[in-house]
Amino acid sequence: MKERHVKRRKSWGSLAAVMVFILAMLSLALCGCGSDSSTAVSERVTVSTEATATTGASDSTVAAEANTVSFTDQGGRHVTVPASIKSVFCTSPIGTNLMYMLAPDMMVGWNVTPKNVEKQYIPEKYRQYIGLGGWYGKNTTGNVEEIIRRDPDVVFDIGTMNETYVDAANRTQELLNIPVVMVDGSLEKSGAALRYVGSLIHREERAEELAAYCDKVIQEAQAIAAKLTDEQKVKVYYAEGAKGLNTDPAGSQHTEVLNLVGGQNVAQVELDASGYGMSAVSLEQVILWDPDVILVASDPTEESTAYQEITTRAEWSGISAVKNRRVYQIPRGPFDWFDRPPCISRIIGVRWLGNLLYPDLYAYDIKTEAKDFYKLFYQIDLTDAQYDQLMVRAGGAVSSSGTTATTVALAPAEGSGTSVVKGLVDNPMTITGDTIKSMNPVTITMDHPKLGRKEYTGVRWSELLPLFKVQAAATLVEFSCTDGYIAQATLAEMAASPDSMLAVGDDGSLNAAMPGFYGKAWARDIIQIEFK
């Protein structure tokens, strides 16, 4: 690689100044070493007329000139980086998400510009960062010209450590003419990765704070999972892709959370050597595996119909997870709690999934855990409304009104097809599918935003609101469903959609059919209608 220009500090001018630098760098190195043995650094340091120093790098002797540090990274590559790193780019979202938690001010850009669903969890100043691409997944290429123009001091390649990825890191370094440092991004080494990067960018104190939290969560999960027998392990299917018929097996980086908490991954497919995953499977295979729980991948683009397919299609209905209403969509905001990308946000996913599968063993208050995690890692105060949005299909949600939004807690005593009308109404009541059938319902063909054209039979909201005697102060209606999903619509929007209705399904369930509305206003199997 041709020599890259590095902004230089003042000339040291004397051997005495060099020796001062030696002592300072040694001190920083010792502070950067965490308790994890994987980050320990050899103390074999050779002192010469060139300054020498240790960083959080792997076991090796590392040498530095006055303005650079040389060491062997975790991919076994010899790299030289500036001694004072001011700006960073990462080759993939795994690394970028770690940097965002550790030192967002040092980022020169995202890999992918955050989606609207993600931006609400990101302060305004970091929303302005644009996506610069990267080298990850399938056929993803970084915007070389823009990355070079932003001139980061170092590029972190955080992820899998093997020869394929080492070759890729070398190619990226040659392409950008910027030093690339490889870091192990596996879940169980989350604390070590934070300490390693923290020592290189001189954010040791912040890194240790985050790393200690990660270590605690991982060690607790390992101890609990070790006690589970094969018979006790909950069988889980991870549903990916638009229809839920892609997945990843045990041993994949994409299912590390499931393995760590002690779930049994039912997917019997070959491990994808490329690391991308998402192996295609048939519905017949999933039926034979008969999982107890189905985890549906998050949907940041809001284009997937997987959750609807699994919970509404008759062909899925015989699977134990569907029959027992144990289908959950993985929380995401700003990053995924389980996978895609498999980053450090999986740490809160360990607490969530462990509690979901084994509530007696992982006896956490997930709302409290989530708020603590977001405060520490994202440096934001997670609101009740944001928490509800994260958890609408994930189990364990608690609405701002205090209603527990889990499938168990929300299940109506009178069974499916029964909904309680409450809130800002003068005529609160319980309404059923039979109630709707007795009110001269109409049948209208509508365009569902994800399921296409379908017929819905029900009573228009314009007829129901007077029946409920909705108060003038009400501006919003909230639908709570048996799967924990919470949908909302304003009364003004409902008035502008004259065919919107409370529909009754063939099974007697109550559903909000909302033509012209965005997908999240539609709701299935409603058990509570609250006007606010």
Protein backbone atom coordinates (compact mmCIF):
# COMPACT_ATOMS: atom_id res chain seq x y z
CA MET A 1 0.00 0.00 0.00
CA LYS A 2 1.38 3.41 -0.93
CA GLU A 3 2.15 5.72 1.95
CA ARG A 4 -0.82 7.76 3.18
CA HIS A 5 -0.39 11.32 4.38
CA VAL A 6 -1.06 11.65 8.12
CA LYS A 7 -1.62 14.99 9.85
CA ARG A 8 1.44 15.41 12.11
CA ARG A 9 1.71 16.85 15.57
CA LYS A 10 4.51 19.22 16.56
CA SER A 11 8.02 17.82 16.13
CA TRP A 12 9.28 16.31 19.39
CA GLY A 13 12.70 17.76 18.77
CA SER A 14 14.65 15.71 21.28
CA LEU A 15 15.17 12.26 22.72
CA ALA A 16 13.73 13.47 26.04
CA ALA A 17 10.43 14.30 24.36
CA VAL A 18 10.41 10.88 22.74
CA MET A 19 10.81 9.21 26.13
CA VAL A 20 7.90 11.30 27.51
CA PHE A 21 5.79 10.01 24.64
CA ILE A 22 6.83 6.44 25.48
CA LEU A 23 5.65 6.77 29.05
CA ALA A 24 2.35 8.41 28.01
CA MET A 25 1.54 5.71 25.48
CA LEU A 26 2.39 2.95 27.93
CA SER A 27 0.03 4.50 30.45
CA LEU A 28 -2.78 4.67 27.91
CA ALA A 29 -2.24 1.07 26.91
CA LEU A 30 -2.47 -0.19 30.45
CA CYS A 31 -5.72 1.76 31.00
CA GLY A 32 -7.18 0.33 27.78
CA CYS A 33 -6.80 -3.30 28.83
CA GLY A 34 -10.06 -4.81 30.09
CA SER A 35 -10.71 -7.82 32.23
CA ASP A 36 -11.39 -10.04 29.20
CA SER A 37 -8.28 -12.08 28.50
CA SER A 38 -8.87 -11.82 24.75
CA THR A 39 -7.88 -8.15 24.91
CA ALA A 40 -4.74 -8.65 27.00
CA VAL A 41 -1.61 -7.26 25.44
CA SER A 42 1.87 -8.68 25.68
CA GLU A 43 4.10 -6.61 27.90
CA ARG A 44 7.14 -7.46 25.79
CA VAL A 45 7.99 -3.94 24.66
CA THR A 46 11.31 -3.05 23.09
CA VAL A 47 12.56 0.46 23.85
CA SER A 48 14.78 2.10 21.25
CA THR A 49 15.30 5.51 19.75
CA GLU A 50 11.89 4.96 18.10
CA ALA A 51 9.05 5.36 20.58
CA THR A 52 7.22 2.12 21.39
CA ALA A 53 3.77 1.62 22.86
CA THR A 54 0.98 -0.86 23.48
CA THR A 55 -2.67 -0.46 22.53
CA GLY A 56 -5.68 -2.70 23.02
CA ALA A 57 -4.44 -4.89 20.16
CA SER A 58 -3.95 -8.66 20.27
CA ASP A 59 -0.93 -10.38 21.88
CA SER A 60 1.97 -8.83 20.02
CA THR A 61 4.71 -6.28 20.34
CA VAL A 62 3.60 -3.01 18.79
CA ALA A 63 5.76 -0.17 17.64
CA ALA A 64 4.97 3.50 17.16
CA GLU A 65 6.61 6.52 15.69
CA ALA A 66 5.72 9.90 17.13
CA ASN A 67 2.52 10.17 15.10
CA THR A 68 1.57 6.55 14.32
CA VAL A 69 1.00 3.25 16.09
CA SER A 70 1.73 -0.14 14.50
CA PHE A 71 0.29 -3.44 15.74
CA THR A 72 -1.27 -6.73 14.68
CA ASP A 73 -5.07 -6.52 14.54
CA GLN A 74 -7.50 -9.30 15.49
CA GLY A 75 -7.48 -10.60 11.93
CA GLY A 76 -3.72 -11.18 12.21
CA ARG A 77 -2.88 -8.27 9.90
CA HIS A 78 -0.07 -5.76 10.54
CA VAL A 79 -1.53 -2.24 10.45
CA THR A 80 -0.32 1.27 11.17
CA VAL A 81 -2.78 3.92 12.34
CA PRO A 82 -2.47 7.52 13.53
CA ALA A 83 -1.62 7.76 17.24
CA SER A 84 -4.41 10.31 17.62
CA ILE A 85 -7.55 9.09 15.83
CA LYS A 86 -10.14 11.80 15.27
CA SER A 87 -12.51 10.31 12.71
CA VAL A 88 -13.70 6.81 11.82
CA PHE A 89 -15.61 4.93 9.14
CA CYS A 90 -16.75 1.30 9.41
CA THR A 91 -17.10 -1.19 6.58
CA SER A 92 -20.49 -2.49 7.80
CA PRO A 93 -23.40 -1.63 10.09
CA ILE A 94 -22.00 -4.03 12.72
CA GLY A 95 -19.09 -1.67 13.26
CA THR A 96 -20.99 1.55 12.64
CA ASN A 97 -23.54 0.67 15.29
CA LEU A 98 -20.75 -0.03 17.79
CA MET A 99 -19.14 3.33 16.96
CA TYR A 100 -22.49 5.08 17.33
CA MET A 101 -22.83 3.72 20.86
CA LEU A 102 -19.20 4.39 21.75
CA ALA A 103 -18.27 7.65 20.02
CA PRO A 104 -20.87 8.95 17.53
CA ASP A 105 -19.04 12.27 17.19
CA MET A 106 -16.16 10.46 15.48
CA MET A 107 -18.30 8.92 12.70
CA VAL A 108 -18.00 10.34 9.18
CA GLY A 109 -21.24 8.68 8.07
CA TRP A 110 -23.61 5.72 8.32
CA ASN A 111 -23.50 2.77 5.96
CA VAL A 112 -27.22 3.12 5.30
CA THR A 113 -29.13 6.34 5.94
CA PRO A 114 -31.49 5.59 8.87
CA LYS A 115 -35.12 4.87 8.01
CA ASN A 116 -37.95 6.92 9.51
CA VAL A 117 -38.76 4.15 12.00
CA GLU A 118 -35.16 4.34 13.24
CA LYS A 119 -34.67 8.12 13.28
CA GLN A 120 -36.97 8.70 16.26
CA TYR A 121 -34.36 6.99 18.46
CA ILE A 122 -31.47 9.05 17.06
CA PRO A 123 -30.74 12.68 18.06
CA GLU A 124 -31.18 15.20 15.26
CA LYS A 125 -27.45 15.91 14.79
CA TYR A 126 -26.73 12.26 13.98
CA ARG A 127 -29.74 11.86 11.69
CA GLN A 128 -28.00 14.21 9.29
CA TYR A 129 -25.20 11.72 8.63
CA ILE A 130 -25.70 10.14 5.23
CA GLY A 131 -25.23 6.54 4.15
CA LEU A 132 -21.86 5.89 2.49
CA GLY A 133 -22.36 2.21 1.73
CA GLY A 134 -19.78 -0.33 2.80
CA TRP A 135 -18.49 -3.85 2.22
CA TYR A 136 -20.98 -6.33 3.70
CA GLY A 137 -23.92 -8.55 2.76
CA LYS A 138 -24.51 -9.28 -0.90
CA ASN A 139 -23.05 -6.99 -3.56
CA THR A 140 -22.76 -4.02 -1.20
CA THR A 141 -20.03 -1.55 -2.15
CA GLY A 142 -18.88 1.55 -0.35
CA ASN A 143 -19.01 4.96 -1.97
CA VAL A 144 -15.24 5.13 -2.37
CA GLU A 145 -15.09 8.71 -3.58
CA GLU A 146 -17.22 10.05 -0.71
CA ILE A 147 -15.40 8.02 1.94
CA ILE A 148 -12.01 9.27 0.74
CA ARG A 149 -13.33 12.83 0.58
CA ARG A 150 -14.35 12.62 4.26
CA ASP A 151 -10.81 11.38 5.02
CA PRO A 152 -11.37 9.19 8.10
CA ASP A 153 -8.21 8.42 10.07
CA VAL A 154 -9.06 4.73 10.28
CA VAL A 155 -11.61 2.22 8.97
CA PHE A 156 -12.89 -0.48 11.32
CA ASP A 157 -13.92 -3.84 9.88
CA ILE A 158 -15.89 -5.37 12.76
CA GLY A 159 -17.34 -8.83 12.23
CA THR A 160 -16.20 -12.34 11.34
CA MET A 161 -12.54 -13.31 11.57
CA ASN A 162 -11.45 -15.72 8.83
CA GLU A 163 -9.30 -15.74 5.67
CA THR A 164 -12.14 -14.57 3.44
CA TYR A 165 -12.75 -11.50 5.57
CA VAL A 166 -9.01 -10.85 5.96
CA ASP A 167 -8.68 -10.78 2.17
CA ALA A 168 -11.66 -8.42 1.97
CA ALA A 169 -10.12 -6.08 4.56
CA ASN A 170 -6.86 -5.99 2.61
CA ARG A 171 -8.71 -5.12 -0.60
CA THR A 172 -10.65 -2.36 1.14
CA GLN A 173 -7.46 -0.90 2.60
CA GLU A 174 -5.80 -0.90 -0.80
CA LEU A 175 -8.87 0.65 -2.44
CA LEU A 176 -9.25 3.48 0.08
CA ASN A 177 -5.56 3.94 0.95
CA ILE A 178 -6.73 4.24 4.58
CA PRO A 179 -5.69 1.81 7.34
CA VAL A 180 -8.30 -0.90 8.02
CA VAL A 181 -8.40 -2.54 11.46
CA MET A 182 -10.21 -5.86 11.90
CA VAL A 183 -12.12 -6.52 15.15
CA ASP A 184 -13.96 -9.68 16.24
CA GLY A 185 -17.68 -8.81 16.27
CA SER A 186 -19.11 -12.02 17.76
CA LEU A 187 -21.78 -11.56 20.42
CA GLU A 188 -19.87 -13.18 23.27
CA LYS A 189 -16.90 -10.87 22.60
CA SER A 190 -18.95 -7.67 22.63
CA GLY A 191 -17.17 -6.35 25.73
CA ALA A 192 -13.77 -7.17 24.27
CA ALA A 193 -14.61 -5.39 21.00
CA LEU A 194 -15.66 -2.25 22.86
CA ARG A 195 -12.46 -2.22 24.92
CA TYR A 196 -10.31 -2.86 21.85
CA VAL A 197 -11.82 -0.04 19.80
CA GLY A 198 -12.01 2.22 22.84
CA SER A 199 -8.27 1.89 23.46
CA LEU A 200 -7.43 2.78 19.85
CA ILE A 201 -9.63 5.88 19.75
CA HIS A 202 -8.76 6.83 23.36
CA ARG A 203 -12.29 6.50 24.72
CA GLU A 204 -11.34 3.93 27.34
CA GLU A 205 -13.66 5.12 30.11
CA ARG A 206 -16.79 5.08 27.95
CA ALA A 207 -15.77 1.74 26.42
CA GLU A 208 -15.30 0.14 29.83
CA GLU A 209 -18.71 1.33 30.99
CA LEU A 210 -20.43 -0.30 28.01
CA ALA A 211 -18.21 -3.37 28.05
CA ALA A 212 -18.91 -4.12 31.71
CA TYR A 213 -22.65 -4.06 31.01
CA CYS A 214 -22.19 -6.45 28.07
CA ASP A 215 -20.05 -8.83 30.12
CA LYS A 216 -22.66 -9.00 32.87
CA VAL A 217 -25.54 -9.77 30.49
CA ILE A 218 -23.58 -12.41 28.58
CA GLN A 219 -22.25 -14.14 31.68
CA GLU A 220 -25.71 -14.29 33.26
CA ALA A 221 -27.20 -15.78 30.08
CA GLN A 222 -24.42 -18.35 29.79
CA ALA A 223 -24.99 -19.46 33.38
CA ILE A 224 -28.75 -19.81 32.88
CA ALA A 225 -28.53 -21.60 29.53
CA ALA A 226 -26.01 -24.09 30.92
CA LYS A 227 -28.65 -25.37 33.35
CA LEU A 228 -31.25 -26.15 30.65
CA THR A 229 -31.69 -29.75 29.54
CA ASP A 230 -32.54 -30.52 25.92
CA GLU A 231 -36.10 -31.32 27.01
CA GLN A 232 -36.46 -27.92 28.65
CA LYS A 233 -35.27 -25.92 25.66
CA VAL A 234 -37.98 -24.03 23.77
CA LYS A 235 -38.07 -24.84 20.05
CA VAL A 236 -37.76 -21.66 17.99
CA TYR A 237 -38.00 -20.86 14.28
CA TYR A 238 -36.45 -17.60 13.04
CA ALA A 239 -38.62 -16.36 10.15
CA GLU A 240 -36.86 -14.07 7.69
CA GLY A 241 -37.72 -12.80 4.24
CA ALA A 242 -40.90 -11.27 2.85
CA LYS A 243 -42.93 -14.46 3.46
CA GLY A 244 -41.10 -15.80 6.53
CA LEU A 245 -39.59 -18.69 4.58
CA ASN A 246 -35.92 -17.83 4.96
CA THR A 247 -33.93 -18.65 8.07
CA ASP A 248 -30.54 -19.32 9.66
CA PRO A 249 -29.44 -22.44 11.58
CA ALA A 250 -27.60 -22.87 14.86
CA GLY A 251 -23.98 -21.78 14.51
CA SER A 252 -24.82 -18.79 12.33
CA GLN A 253 -23.79 -15.29 13.45
CA HIS A 254 -27.42 -14.37 12.76
CA THR A 255 -28.79 -16.61 15.53
CA GLU A 256 -26.23 -16.00 18.27
CA VAL A 257 -28.81 -14.45 20.63
CA LEU A 258 -31.02 -17.55 20.41
CA ASN A 259 -28.07 -19.83 21.12
CA LEU A 260 -26.85 -17.71 24.03
CA VAL A 261 -30.19 -17.69 25.88
CA GLY A 262 -30.63 -21.44 25.48
CA GLY A 263 -33.29 -21.68 22.77
CA GLN A 264 -33.37 -24.68 20.43
CA ASN A 265 -33.09 -23.54 16.82
CA VAL A 266 -35.30 -25.91 14.80
CA ALA A 267 -33.83 -24.92 11.42
CA GLN A 268 -32.05 -27.93 9.95
CA VAL A 269 -30.33 -26.26 7.03
CA GLU A 270 -26.70 -25.96 6.02
CA LEU A 271 -24.69 -23.11 7.50
CA ASP A 272 -24.07 -20.49 4.83
CA ALA A 273 -20.31 -20.26 4.33
CA SER A 274 -20.58 -16.71 2.95
CA GLY A 275 -21.98 -15.44 6.24
CA TYR A 276 -24.96 -13.75 4.57
CA GLY A 277 -27.45 -16.45 5.53
CA MET A 278 -31.21 -16.36 4.92
CA SER A 279 -31.40 -19.93 3.61
CA ALA A 280 -34.66 -20.65 1.79
CA VAL A 281 -36.95 -23.27 3.34
CA SER A 282 -40.40 -24.59 2.53
CA LEU A 283 -43.52 -24.22 4.65
CA GLU A 284 -43.68 -28.02 4.77
CA GLN A 285 -40.30 -28.05 6.52
CA VAL A 286 -41.44 -25.49 9.09
CA ILE A 287 -44.59 -27.54 9.74
CA LEU A 288 -42.46 -30.65 10.35
CA TRP A 289 -40.16 -28.72 12.71
CA ASP A 290 -43.29 -27.49 14.57
CA PRO A 291 -41.64 -24.71 16.62
CA ASP A 292 -43.05 -23.60 19.97
CA VAL A 293 -42.14 -19.98 19.17
CA ILE A 294 -41.67 -18.12 15.90
CA LEU A 295 -39.46 -15.01 15.84
CA VAL A 296 -40.23 -12.79 12.85
CA ALA A 297 -37.43 -10.56 11.56
CA SER A 298 -37.91 -6.83 12.04
CA ASP A 299 -39.14 -4.81 9.08
CA PRO A 300 -37.41 -1.39 8.89
CA THR A 301 -38.58 -0.83 5.30
CA GLU A 302 -42.14 -1.79 6.29
CA GLU A 303 -42.47 -3.88 3.14
CA SER A 304 -42.51 -7.42 4.54
CA THR A 305 -45.77 -9.35 4.96
CA ALA A 306 -44.15 -12.17 6.95
CA TYR A 307 -45.90 -11.43 10.23
CA GLN A 308 -49.29 -11.18 8.53
CA GLU A 309 -48.64 -14.33 6.48
CA ILE A 310 -47.74 -16.37 9.55
CA THR A 311 -50.53 -15.12 11.82
CA THR A 312 -53.39 -15.02 9.30
CA ARG A 313 -52.83 -17.67 6.63
CA ALA A 314 -54.58 -20.99 7.16
CA GLU A 315 -51.57 -23.00 5.99
CA TRP A 316 -49.55 -21.78 9.01
CA SER A 317 -52.36 -22.30 11.53
CA GLY A 318 -51.46 -25.88 12.53
CA ILE A 319 -48.01 -24.96 13.84
CA SER A 320 -47.81 -24.92 17.63
CA ALA A 321 -46.40 -21.37 17.79
CA VAL A 322 -49.30 -20.04 15.71
CA LYS A 323 -51.99 -22.04 17.52
CA ASN A 324 -50.69 -20.82 20.88
CA ARG A 325 -50.18 -17.26 19.64
CA ARG A 326 -46.47 -17.30 20.32
CA VAL A 327 -45.42 -15.45 17.18
CA TYR A 328 -43.32 -12.37 17.96
CA GLN A 329 -41.73 -9.73 15.77
CA ILE A 330 -38.24 -8.71 16.85
CA PRO A 331 -37.96 -5.12 18.17
CA ARG A 332 -35.97 -2.60 16.18
CA GLY A 333 -35.12 0.98 17.03
CA PRO A 334 -32.72 2.32 16.05
CA PHE A 335 -31.02 -1.06 15.61
CA ASP A 336 -32.31 -4.63 15.63
CA TRP A 337 -32.37 -6.47 18.98
CA PHE A 338 -31.57 -9.86 17.41
CA ASP A 339 -29.96 -9.66 13.97
CA ARG A 340 -29.47 -7.76 10.69
CA PRO A 341 -27.04 -6.35 11.57
CA PRO A 342 -25.84 -8.69 14.35
CA CYS A 343 -24.40 -5.85 16.42
CA ILE A 344 -24.08 -4.90 20.10
CA SER A 345 -27.76 -3.93 20.32
CA ARG A 346 -28.24 -7.70 20.62
CA ILE A 347 -27.29 -7.29 24.28
CA ILE A 348 -30.77 -5.94 25.13
CA GLY A 349 -32.10 -8.67 22.83
CA VAL A 350 -30.57 -11.28 25.15
CA ARG A 351 -32.62 -9.92 28.05
CA TRP A 352 -35.78 -9.66 25.95
CA LEU A 353 -35.60 -13.11 24.34
CA GLY A 354 -34.47 -14.85 27.52
CA ASN A 355 -37.46 -13.39 29.38
CA LEU A 356 -39.78 -14.29 26.50
CA LEU A 357 -38.71 -17.96 26.38
CA TYR A 358 -37.92 -18.59 30.06
CA PRO A 359 -39.62 -15.88 32.19
CA ASP A 360 -38.93 -17.74 35.43
CA LEU A 361 -35.20 -17.94 34.71
CA TYR A 362 -34.73 -14.54 33.09
CA ALA A 363 -36.91 -12.72 35.61
CA TYR A 364 -36.41 -9.18 34.34
CA ASP A 365 -38.74 -6.22 34.03
CA ILE A 366 -38.11 -5.74 30.31
CA LYS A 367 -39.42 -2.19 30.25
CA THR A 368 -36.93 -1.19 32.94
CA GLU A 369 -34.13 -3.10 31.22
CA ALA A 370 -34.88 -1.44 27.88
CA LYS A 371 -34.94 2.05 29.38
CA ASP A 372 -31.64 1.43 31.18
CA PHE A 373 -30.02 0.09 28.01
CA TYR A 374 -31.20 3.01 25.86
CA LYS A 375 -29.99 5.52 28.44
CA LEU A 376 -26.53 3.95 28.66
CA PHE A 377 -25.89 2.87 25.07
CA TYR A 378 -27.91 5.39 23.04
CA GLN A 379 -27.87 8.19 25.61
CA ILE A 380 -31.59 8.86 25.20
CA ASP A 381 -34.53 8.60 27.58
CA LEU A 382 -36.81 5.97 26.05
CA THR A 383 -40.41 7.17 26.37
CA ASP A 384 -43.36 4.94 27.17
CA ALA A 385 -44.72 5.54 23.68
CA GLN A 386 -41.42 4.54 22.08
CA TYR A 387 -41.25 1.44 24.23
CA ASP A 388 -44.80 0.52 23.24
CA GLN A 389 -43.90 0.92 19.58
CA LEU A 390 -40.87 -1.32 19.98
CA MET A 391 -42.91 -4.01 21.68
CA VAL A 392 -46.26 -3.99 19.86
CA ARG A 393 -45.61 -7.43 18.37
CA ALA A 394 -42.75 -8.48 20.62
CA GLY A 395 -44.58 -9.37 23.85
CA GLY A 396 -44.15 -7.61 27.16
CA ALA A 397 -45.28 -4.12 26.09
CA VAL A 398 -46.69 -1.74 28.66
CA SER A 399 -48.77 1.07 27.23
CA SER A 400 -48.57 4.62 28.49
CA SER A 401 -51.96 4.05 30.09
CA GLY A 402 -50.51 1.18 32.12
CA THR A 403 -52.19 -1.71 30.30
CA THR A 404 -49.88 -4.69 29.90
CA ALA A 405 -49.80 -5.55 26.23
CA THR A 406 -48.77 -9.19 26.19
CA THR A 407 -50.78 -11.92 24.56
CA VAL A 408 -51.54 -13.49 27.93
CA ALA A 409 -52.48 -10.32 29.76
CA LEU A 410 -54.63 -8.92 26.96
CA ALA A 411 -56.53 -12.09 26.16
CA PRO A 412 -60.22 -11.29 26.78
CA ALA A 413 -62.11 -13.48 29.21
CA GLU A 414 -64.92 -13.94 26.71
CA GLY A 415 -62.63 -15.19 23.96
CA SER A 416 -61.65 -14.00 20.49
CA GLY A 417 -64.14 -11.67 18.83
CA THR A 418 -64.81 -9.68 22.00
CA SER A 419 -63.56 -6.13 22.46
CA VAL A 420 -63.89 -3.61 25.28
CA VAL A 421 -64.69 -0.02 24.26
CA LYS A 422 -63.31 2.49 26.76
CA GLY A 423 -61.62 5.86 27.22
CA LEU A 424 -63.22 9.17 26.24
CA VAL A 425 -66.67 7.72 25.62
CA ASP A 426 -69.98 8.24 27.45
CA ASN A 427 -71.19 4.77 26.51
CA PRO A 428 -68.38 2.28 27.30
CA MET A 429 -69.31 -1.26 26.32
CA THR A 430 -68.21 -4.69 25.29
CA ILE A 431 -68.70 -5.34 21.60
CA THR A 432 -68.51 -8.73 19.85
CA GLY A 433 -68.47 -10.16 16.38
CA ASP A 434 -72.14 -11.03 16.81
CA THR A 435 -72.85 -7.38 17.67
CA ILE A 436 -71.40 -6.30 14.34
CA LYS A 437 -73.32 -9.00 12.47
CA SER A 438 -76.57 -7.76 14.00
CA MET A 439 -76.07 -4.15 12.82
CA ASN A 440 -76.77 -4.59 9.09
CA PRO A 441 -73.08 -4.80 8.11
CA VAL A 442 -71.88 -3.92 4.62
CA THR A 443 -69.31 -5.74 2.49
CA ILE A 444 -66.69 -3.62 0.74
CA THR A 445 -63.66 -4.59 -1.35
CA MET A 446 -60.58 -2.72 -0.12
CA ASP A 447 -56.89 -2.52 -0.88
CA HIS A 448 -54.92 -3.69 2.14
CA PRO A 449 -51.45 -2.04 1.96
CA LYS A 450 -49.70 -5.41 2.30
CA LEU A 451 -52.24 -8.15 1.62
CA GLY A 452 -53.78 -6.67 -1.54
CA ARG A 453 -57.47 -6.50 -2.51
CA LYS A 454 -59.81 -8.25 -0.10
CA GLU A 455 -63.48 -8.14 0.91
CA TYR A 456 -64.30 -6.87 4.41
CA THR A 457 -67.67 -7.10 6.11
CA GLY A 458 -68.46 -4.79 9.00
CA VAL A 459 -69.95 -1.53 10.27
CA ARG A 460 -68.51 1.86 9.32
CA TRP A 461 -66.92 3.92 12.08
CA SER A 462 -69.24 6.78 11.15
CA GLU A 463 -72.08 4.65 12.59
CA LEU A 464 -70.17 3.28 15.58
CA LEU A 465 -68.81 6.55 17.00
CA PRO A 466 -72.31 7.89 17.80
CA LEU A 467 -73.16 4.50 19.37
CA PHE A 468 -70.14 4.79 21.68
CA LYS A 469 -70.93 8.48 22.33
CA VAL A 470 -67.33 9.52 21.76
CA GLN A 471 -66.56 12.71 23.66
CA ALA A 472 -65.59 15.93 21.89
CA ALA A 473 -62.16 15.90 23.57
CA ALA A 474 -61.21 12.64 21.87
CA THR A 475 -58.85 12.95 18.92
CA LEU A 476 -57.38 9.45 18.66
CA VAL A 477 -58.49 5.82 18.73
CA GLU A 478 -56.12 3.01 19.77
CA PHE A 479 -56.69 -0.66 18.90
CA SER A 480 -55.04 -3.30 21.12
CA CYS A 481 -54.80 -6.80 19.64
CA THR A 482 -54.35 -10.28 21.06
CA ASP A 483 -50.77 -10.54 19.76
CA GLY A 484 -49.74 -7.38 21.60
CA TYR A 485 -49.93 -5.16 18.51
CA ILE A 486 -51.25 -1.63 19.08
CA ALA A 487 -52.57 0.36 16.09
CA GLN A 488 -53.66 3.98 16.10
CA ALA A 489 -55.68 6.37 13.93
CA THR A 490 -56.86 9.92 14.43
CA LEU A 491 -60.59 10.61 14.33
CA ALA A 492 -59.96 13.23 11.66
CA GLU A 493 -58.32 10.61 9.46
CA MET A 494 -61.22 8.21 10.04
CA ALA A 495 -63.72 10.88 9.03
CA ALA A 496 -61.75 11.39 5.80
CA SER A 497 -62.06 7.67 5.02
CA PRO A 498 -65.83 7.05 4.91
CA ASP A 499 -65.50 3.31 4.20
CA SER A 500 -63.22 2.61 7.18
CA MET A 501 -64.95 0.08 9.42
CA LEU A 502 -64.87 -2.36 12.29
CA ALA A 503 -64.98 -5.61 10.34
CA VAL A 504 -65.80 -9.10 11.52
CA GLY A 505 -63.74 -12.02 10.26
CA ASP A 506 -64.93 -15.49 9.33
CA ASP A 507 -63.71 -16.66 12.74
CA GLY A 508 -65.67 -13.92 14.53
CA SER A 509 -62.59 -11.75 15.18
CA LEU A 510 -62.92 -7.96 15.19
CA ASN A 511 -60.64 -6.14 12.76
CA ALA A 512 -59.99 -2.52 11.83
CA ALA A 513 -60.29 -2.22 8.04
CA MET A 514 -58.94 1.20 7.11
CA PRO A 515 -58.86 1.92 3.35
CA GLY A 516 -56.52 4.73 2.45
CA PHE A 517 -54.63 4.40 5.72
CA TYR A 518 -51.00 3.44 6.15
CA GLY A 519 -50.49 -0.22 7.13
CA LYS A 520 -50.05 0.39 10.86
CA ALA A 521 -53.62 1.70 11.23
CA TRP A 522 -55.03 -1.69 10.21
CA ALA A 523 -55.49 -4.13 13.08
CA ARG A 524 -56.51 -7.76 13.43
CA ASP A 525 -58.20 -9.55 16.34
CA ILE A 526 -58.91 -6.40 18.37
CA ILE A 527 -59.68 -6.87 22.05
CA GLN A 528 -59.67 -3.26 23.19
CA ILE A 529 -60.77 -0.01 21.54
CA GLU A 530 -59.72 3.05 23.50
CA PHE A 531 -60.53 6.64 22.58
CA LYS A 532 -58.02 9.24 23.74
